[in-house]
Amino acid sequence: MKFDKSLLRTVLFAVGVVAFIIGVYQTILFNDLAANYSIFMVSTLCWMPLLYWRQQERVAAKVAEQKAKLANQARAKTTAKSTRKRR
């Protein structure tokens, strides 16, 4: 069975949102932020990998875009030479 990273992302996001909502509710209900610090930390720990993976995807996309641009430039240079008639 192959590991599904999108499922992990969905679960982490859902747990993070639920923990944040529970933390806000408990803070409003008991008027004590310090008592609910651990709940907010669970939410933060669920979101941190998501932010890191999103940043890594952006970097990979930029690198792929630059490689594609360089490949297109190299291809344009080689095709211009090959279409020229030789005498």
N, C-alpha and C. Protein backbone atom coordinates (compact mmCIF):
# COMPACT_ATOMS: atom_id res chain seq x y z
N MET A 1 0.84 -1.18 0.00
CA MET A 1 0.00 0.00 0.00
C MET A 1 0.89 1.24 0.00
N LYS A 2 0.56 2.17 -0.87
CA LYS A 2 1.35 3.39 -0.99
C LYS A 2 0.84 4.44 -0.01
N PHE A 3 1.77 5.19 0.56
CA PHE A 3 1.43 6.24 1.52
C PHE A 3 0.83 7.43 0.78
N ASP A 4 -0.33 7.89 1.23
CA ASP A 4 -1.02 8.99 0.57
C ASP A 4 -0.76 10.28 1.35
N LYS A 5 0.07 11.14 0.77
CA LYS A 5 0.45 12.38 1.45
C LYS A 5 -0.73 13.36 1.52
N SER A 6 -1.60 13.32 0.51
CA SER A 6 -2.74 14.25 0.54
C SER A 6 -3.71 13.90 1.67
N LEU A 7 -3.83 12.61 1.98
CA LEU A 7 -4.68 12.21 3.10
C LEU A 7 -4.10 12.71 4.41
N LEU A 8 -2.78 12.61 4.55
CA LEU A 8 -2.12 13.12 5.76
C LEU A 8 -2.32 14.62 5.89
N ARG A 9 -2.22 15.33 4.78
CA ARG A 9 -2.44 16.78 4.81
C ARG A 9 -3.86 17.11 5.24
N THR A 10 -4.82 16.36 4.72
CA THR A 10 -6.21 16.60 5.08
C THR A 10 -6.45 16.34 6.57
N VAL A 11 -5.89 15.25 7.07
CA VAL A 11 -6.08 14.91 8.49
C VAL A 11 -5.40 15.95 9.38
N LEU A 12 -4.18 16.35 9.03
CA LEU A 12 -3.48 17.36 9.84
C LEU A 12 -4.23 18.68 9.84
N PHE A 13 -4.74 19.08 8.68
CA PHE A 13 -5.50 20.33 8.60
C PHE A 13 -6.77 20.25 9.45
N ALA A 14 -7.49 19.13 9.33
CA ALA A 14 -8.74 18.98 10.09
C ALA A 14 -8.48 18.97 11.59
N VAL A 15 -7.47 18.24 12.04
CA VAL A 15 -7.15 18.19 13.47
C VAL A 15 -6.71 19.57 13.96
N GLY A 16 -5.94 20.27 13.14
CA GLY A 16 -5.50 21.62 13.51
C GLY A 16 -6.66 22.59 13.66
N VAL A 17 -7.60 22.53 12.72
CA VAL A 17 -8.76 23.43 12.79
C VAL A 17 -9.63 23.08 14.00
N VAL A 18 -9.87 21.80 14.21
CA VAL A 18 -10.71 21.39 15.35
C VAL A 18 -10.04 21.79 16.67
N ALA A 19 -8.75 21.58 16.79
CA ALA A 19 -8.04 21.96 18.02
C ALA A 19 -8.09 23.47 18.23
N PHE A 20 -7.96 24.24 17.16
CA PHE A 20 -8.03 25.69 17.29
C PHE A 20 -9.42 26.14 17.74
N ILE A 21 -10.45 25.56 17.15
CA ILE A 21 -11.82 25.93 17.52
C ILE A 21 -12.10 25.54 18.97
N ILE A 22 -11.67 24.36 19.38
CA ILE A 22 -11.85 23.94 20.78
C ILE A 22 -11.09 24.87 21.71
N GLY A 23 -9.88 25.25 21.33
CA GLY A 23 -9.10 26.17 22.16
C GLY A 23 -9.76 27.52 22.31
N VAL A 24 -10.30 28.05 21.22
CA VAL A 24 -11.00 29.35 21.28
C VAL A 24 -12.24 29.22 22.15
N TYR A 25 -12.99 28.14 21.97
CA TYR A 25 -14.21 27.95 22.76
C TYR A 25 -13.89 27.84 24.25
N GLN A 26 -12.88 27.05 24.59
CA GLN A 26 -12.51 26.89 25.99
C GLN A 26 -11.99 28.20 26.58
N THR A 27 -11.26 28.97 25.77
CA THR A 27 -10.74 30.24 26.25
C THR A 27 -11.87 31.21 26.54
N ILE A 28 -12.86 31.26 25.66
CA ILE A 28 -14.01 32.15 25.87
C ILE A 28 -14.84 31.66 27.05
N LEU A 29 -15.04 30.34 27.15
CA LEU A 29 -15.89 29.78 28.19
C LEU A 29 -15.29 29.99 29.58
N PHE A 30 -14.01 29.71 29.75
CA PHE A 30 -13.37 29.81 31.06
C PHE A 30 -12.58 31.09 31.25
N ASN A 31 -12.44 31.88 30.22
CA ASN A 31 -11.72 33.15 30.26
C ASN A 31 -10.29 32.95 30.80
N ASP A 32 -9.63 31.91 30.27
CA ASP A 32 -8.28 31.59 30.72
C ASP A 32 -7.47 31.04 29.55
N LEU A 33 -6.65 31.89 28.97
CA LEU A 33 -5.84 31.48 27.82
C LEU A 33 -4.72 30.54 28.23
N ALA A 34 -4.14 30.75 29.38
CA ALA A 34 -3.00 29.93 29.81
C ALA A 34 -3.41 28.46 30.01
N ALA A 35 -4.62 28.22 30.43
CA ALA A 35 -5.07 26.84 30.65
C ALA A 35 -5.26 26.09 29.33
N ASN A 36 -5.46 26.82 28.25
CA ASN A 36 -5.70 26.20 26.95
C ASN A 36 -4.51 26.30 26.01
N TYR A 37 -3.37 26.63 26.56
CA TYR A 37 -2.16 26.79 25.75
C TYR A 37 -1.82 25.49 25.02
N SER A 38 -1.97 24.37 25.68
CA SER A 38 -1.62 23.08 25.07
C SER A 38 -2.51 22.77 23.87
N ILE A 39 -3.77 23.17 23.95
CA ILE A 39 -4.68 22.93 22.82
C ILE A 39 -4.25 23.76 21.61
N PHE A 40 -3.85 25.00 21.85
CA PHE A 40 -3.37 25.84 20.75
C PHE A 40 -2.06 25.31 20.18
N MET A 41 -1.23 24.71 21.02
CA MET A 41 0.03 24.14 20.53
C MET A 41 -0.22 22.91 19.67
N VAL A 42 -1.23 22.12 19.99
CA VAL A 42 -1.59 20.99 19.14
C VAL A 42 -2.00 21.50 17.76
N SER A 43 -2.78 22.56 17.75
CA SER A 43 -3.19 23.17 16.49
C SER A 43 -1.99 23.66 15.70
N THR A 44 -1.06 24.32 16.37
CA THR A 44 0.14 24.83 15.70
C THR A 44 1.00 23.69 15.18
N LEU A 45 1.15 22.63 15.96
CA LEU A 45 1.95 21.49 15.53
C LEU A 45 1.34 20.78 14.33
N CYS A 46 0.03 20.84 14.19
CA CYS A 46 -0.61 20.26 13.02
C CYS A 46 -0.41 21.12 11.78
N TRP A 47 -0.34 22.43 11.95
CA TRP A 47 -0.22 23.33 10.79
C TRP A 47 1.22 23.53 10.33
N MET A 48 2.18 23.36 11.22
CA MET A 48 3.58 23.62 10.84
C MET A 48 4.07 22.73 9.69
N PRO A 49 3.82 21.42 9.69
CA PRO A 49 4.25 20.63 8.53
C PRO A 49 3.56 21.06 7.24
N LEU A 50 2.31 21.47 7.35
CA LEU A 50 1.59 21.91 6.15
C LEU A 50 2.24 23.15 5.55
N LEU A 51 2.62 24.08 6.39
CA LEU A 51 3.29 25.29 5.91
C LEU A 51 4.65 24.97 5.32
N TYR A 52 5.37 24.06 5.95
CA TYR A 52 6.69 23.67 5.45
C TYR A 52 6.58 22.98 4.09
N TRP A 53 5.64 22.06 3.96
CA TRP A 53 5.47 21.35 2.68
C TRP A 53 5.03 22.30 1.58
N ARG A 54 4.18 23.26 1.90
CA ARG A 54 3.74 24.24 0.91
C ARG A 54 4.93 25.08 0.43
N GLN A 55 5.79 25.46 1.36
CA GLN A 55 6.98 26.24 1.00
C GLN A 55 7.90 25.41 0.11
N GLN A 56 8.09 24.14 0.42
CA GLN A 56 8.94 23.28 -0.39
C GLN A 56 8.37 23.09 -1.80
N GLU A 57 7.06 23.01 -1.92
CA GLU A 57 6.43 22.89 -3.24
C GLU A 57 6.63 24.15 -4.06
N ARG A 58 6.56 25.31 -3.41
CA ARG A 58 6.80 26.56 -4.14
C ARG A 58 8.23 26.64 -4.66
N VAL A 59 9.18 26.24 -3.84
CA VAL A 59 10.58 26.25 -4.26
C VAL A 59 10.79 25.27 -5.41
N ALA A 60 10.21 24.08 -5.30
CA ALA A 60 10.35 23.09 -6.36
C ALA A 60 9.71 23.57 -7.66
N ALA A 61 8.58 24.28 -7.55
CA ALA A 61 7.92 24.81 -8.75
C ALA A 61 8.78 25.88 -9.41
N LYS A 62 9.41 26.73 -8.62
CA LYS A 62 10.29 27.76 -9.19
C LYS A 62 11.49 27.13 -9.88
N VAL A 63 12.07 26.11 -9.26
CA VAL A 63 13.22 25.44 -9.87
C VAL A 63 12.81 24.76 -11.17
N ALA A 64 11.65 24.11 -11.17
CA ALA A 64 11.17 23.45 -12.39
C ALA A 64 10.88 24.47 -13.48
N GLU A 65 10.34 25.62 -13.10
CA GLU A 65 10.06 26.68 -14.08
C GLU A 65 11.36 27.20 -14.68
N GLN A 66 12.38 27.40 -13.86
CA GLN A 66 13.66 27.87 -14.37
C GLN A 66 14.31 26.83 -15.28
N LYS A 67 14.22 25.56 -14.92
CA LYS A 67 14.77 24.50 -15.78
C LYS A 67 14.04 24.45 -17.11
N ALA A 68 12.72 24.60 -17.08
CA ALA A 68 11.95 24.59 -18.32
C ALA A 68 12.31 25.78 -19.19
N LYS A 69 12.51 26.93 -18.57
CA LYS A 69 12.88 28.13 -19.32
C LYS A 69 14.24 27.95 -19.98
N LEU A 70 15.20 27.39 -19.24
CA LEU A 70 16.52 27.14 -19.81
C LEU A 70 16.47 26.10 -20.92
N ALA A 71 15.63 25.08 -20.74
CA ALA A 71 15.49 24.06 -21.78
C ALA A 71 14.87 24.66 -23.04
N ASN A 72 13.89 25.54 -22.88
CA ASN A 72 13.28 26.20 -24.04
C ASN A 72 14.27 27.09 -24.75
N GLN A 73 15.10 27.78 -23.99
CA GLN A 73 16.12 28.63 -24.61
C GLN A 73 17.14 27.78 -25.37
N ALA A 74 17.55 26.68 -24.79
CA ALA A 74 18.51 25.80 -25.45
C ALA A 74 17.89 25.17 -26.70
N ARG A 75 16.62 24.81 -26.62
CA ARG A 75 15.93 24.23 -27.76
C ARG A 75 15.78 25.26 -28.87
N ALA A 76 15.49 26.51 -28.51
CA ALA A 76 15.34 27.56 -29.50
C ALA A 76 16.66 27.82 -30.22
N LYS A 77 17.76 27.74 -29.51
CA LYS A 77 19.07 27.95 -30.13
C LYS A 77 19.41 26.81 -31.08
N THR A 78 19.12 25.59 -30.71
CA THR A 78 19.46 24.46 -31.57
C THR A 78 18.55 24.38 -32.77
N THR A 79 17.29 24.73 -32.65
CA THR A 79 16.39 24.66 -33.80
C THR A 79 16.72 25.75 -34.80
N ALA A 80 17.19 26.89 -34.36
CA ALA A 80 17.55 27.96 -35.29
C ALA A 80 18.73 27.54 -36.14
N LYS A 81 19.65 26.81 -35.60
CA LYS A 81 20.80 26.35 -36.37
C LYS A 81 20.41 25.25 -37.35
N SER A 82 19.52 24.39 -36.95
CA SER A 82 19.18 23.26 -37.81
C SER A 82 18.28 23.65 -38.97
N THR A 83 17.54 24.74 -38.89
CA THR A 83 16.66 25.14 -39.98
C THR A 83 17.39 25.94 -41.04
N ARG A 84 18.60 26.35 -40.77
CA ARG A 84 19.39 27.10 -41.75
C ARG A 84 19.86 26.18 -42.87
N LYS A 85 19.78 26.68 -44.07
CA LYS A 85 20.22 25.88 -45.21
C LYS A 85 21.73 25.90 -45.30
N ARG A 86 22.28 24.74 -45.59
CA ARG A 86 23.72 24.65 -45.77
C ARG A 86 24.05 24.72 -47.25
N ARG A 87 25.19 25.30 -47.56
CA ARG A 87 25.59 25.41 -48.97
C ARG A 87 26.64 24.42 -49.32
